[in-house]
Amino acid sequence: MEDITVSELREKLQNGDEFLFIDVREEWEYEEDNLGAKNIPLAQLPHELEELESYKDQEIVMQCRSGARSGNAKKFLETKGFSKVRNLLGGIMAYRSMEEEEG
């Protein structure tokens, strides 16, 4: 599935669209700043597969700091049969940058 831009994500969040939102950064990073996603650090993802099983055919948006770890998380979930996984391009840094630009 195609990745998602920060503006698309913001629209989804504002509209209350239904999707699973996962932040794969470490807990300390998540505590410093987050967008309200469920925090599952990348290293823990393989251990959470059973919990995520019910979302296999639903939209899942992955995010991290810059998009690299969440890109890996997307690839991992796809190998496990998840069909609608999207990576937030640029991560939370791009999201916050967009907010700053808009003032």
Protein backbone atom coordinates (compact mmCIF):
# COMPACT_ATOMS: atom_id res chain seq x y z
CA MET A 1 0.00 0.00 0.00
CA GLU A 2 1.11 3.56 -0.68
CA ASP A 3 2.83 5.49 2.10
CA ILE A 4 1.13 8.47 3.72
CA THR A 5 2.15 12.15 3.83
CA VAL A 6 1.96 14.32 6.92
CA SER A 7 -0.93 16.34 5.47
CA GLU A 8 -2.88 13.15 4.69
CA LEU A 9 -2.28 11.89 8.22
CA ARG A 10 -3.37 15.17 9.79
CA GLU A 11 -6.57 15.07 7.77
CA LYS A 12 -7.25 11.49 8.92
CA LEU A 13 -6.65 12.44 12.55
CA GLN A 14 -8.84 15.56 12.31
CA ASN A 15 -11.65 13.60 10.62
CA GLY A 16 -11.51 10.84 13.20
CA ASP A 17 -10.91 8.24 10.48
CA GLU A 18 -10.60 4.70 11.73
CA PHE A 19 -7.13 3.17 11.41
CA LEU A 20 -4.50 1.68 13.68
CA PHE A 21 -1.74 4.22 14.37
CA ILE A 22 1.57 2.80 15.66
CA ASP A 23 4.66 4.70 16.77
CA VAL A 24 7.73 2.43 16.62
CA ARG A 25 10.13 4.78 18.44
CA GLU A 26 11.59 3.91 21.84
CA GLU A 27 9.48 4.71 24.92
CA TRP A 28 11.64 7.69 25.93
CA GLU A 29 11.25 9.24 22.46
CA TYR A 30 7.51 8.66 22.59
CA GLU A 31 7.27 10.28 26.03
CA GLU A 32 9.09 13.40 24.78
CA ASP A 33 6.61 13.97 21.94
CA ASN A 34 3.90 11.91 20.28
CA LEU A 35 0.86 12.21 18.03
CA GLY A 36 -1.34 9.89 20.07
CA ALA A 37 -0.33 6.67 18.35
CA LYS A 38 0.05 3.34 20.15
CA ASN A 39 3.72 2.98 21.16
CA ILE A 40 5.28 -0.33 20.11
CA PRO A 41 9.08 0.05 19.84
CA LEU A 42 10.42 -1.56 16.65
CA ALA A 43 12.28 -4.31 18.54
CA GLN A 44 9.03 -5.27 20.28
CA LEU A 45 6.96 -5.50 17.10
CA PRO A 46 7.59 -9.25 16.50
CA HIS A 47 6.29 -9.93 20.03
CA GLU A 48 3.08 -7.97 19.41
CA LEU A 49 1.95 -9.80 16.26
CA GLU A 50 -0.72 -11.78 18.06
CA GLU A 51 -2.22 -8.58 19.47
CA LEU A 52 -2.18 -6.99 16.01
CA GLU A 53 -3.66 -10.02 14.21
CA SER A 54 -7.19 -8.58 14.20
CA TYR A 55 -5.91 -5.58 12.17
CA LYS A 56 -4.47 -7.67 9.31
CA ASP A 57 -6.94 -6.31 6.73
CA GLN A 58 -7.38 -2.83 8.22
CA GLU A 59 -5.36 0.29 7.54
CA ILE A 60 -2.30 0.62 9.75
CA VAL A 61 -0.15 3.77 9.78
CA MET A 62 3.40 3.35 11.11
CA GLN A 63 5.51 6.30 12.27
CA CYS A 64 8.86 7.02 13.88
CA ARG A 65 11.22 10.00 14.06
CA SER A 66 12.09 10.31 10.38
CA GLY A 67 10.39 7.43 8.57
CA ALA A 68 13.27 4.91 8.51
CA ARG A 69 12.28 2.62 11.40
CA SER A 70 8.61 2.79 10.48
CA GLY A 71 9.56 1.85 6.91
CA ASN A 72 11.25 -1.26 8.28
CA ALA A 73 8.21 -1.95 10.46
CA LYS A 74 5.96 -1.68 7.41
CA LYS A 75 8.08 -4.19 5.47
CA PHE A 76 8.10 -6.55 8.44
CA LEU A 77 4.31 -6.46 8.85
CA GLU A 78 3.83 -6.98 5.11
CA THR A 79 5.90 -10.17 5.30
CA LYS A 80 3.51 -11.34 8.04
CA GLY A 81 0.45 -10.89 5.83
CA PHE A 82 -0.67 -7.39 6.77
CA SER A 83 -2.02 -5.88 3.56
CA LYS A 84 -2.80 -2.22 4.31
CA VAL A 85 0.30 -0.86 6.06
CA ARG A 86 1.43 2.71 5.34
CA ASN A 87 4.56 4.52 6.47
CA LEU A 88 4.44 8.19 7.52
CA LEU A 89 6.89 9.87 5.15
CA GLY A 90 9.36 12.00 7.09
CA GLY A 91 8.03 10.80 10.44
CA ILE A 92 7.13 12.99 13.39
CA MET A 93 9.88 15.46 12.42
CA ALA A 94 8.11 16.22 9.14
CA TYR A 95 4.75 16.40 10.93
CA ARG A 96 6.01 18.94 13.46
CA SER A 97 7.82 20.89 10.74
CA MET A 98 4.55 21.20 8.79
CA GLU A 99 2.81 22.50 11.93
CA GLU A 100 5.57 25.08 12.50
CA GLU A 101 5.40 26.29 8.90
CA GLU A 102 1.69 26.90 9.27
CA GLY A 103 2.32 28.84 12.45
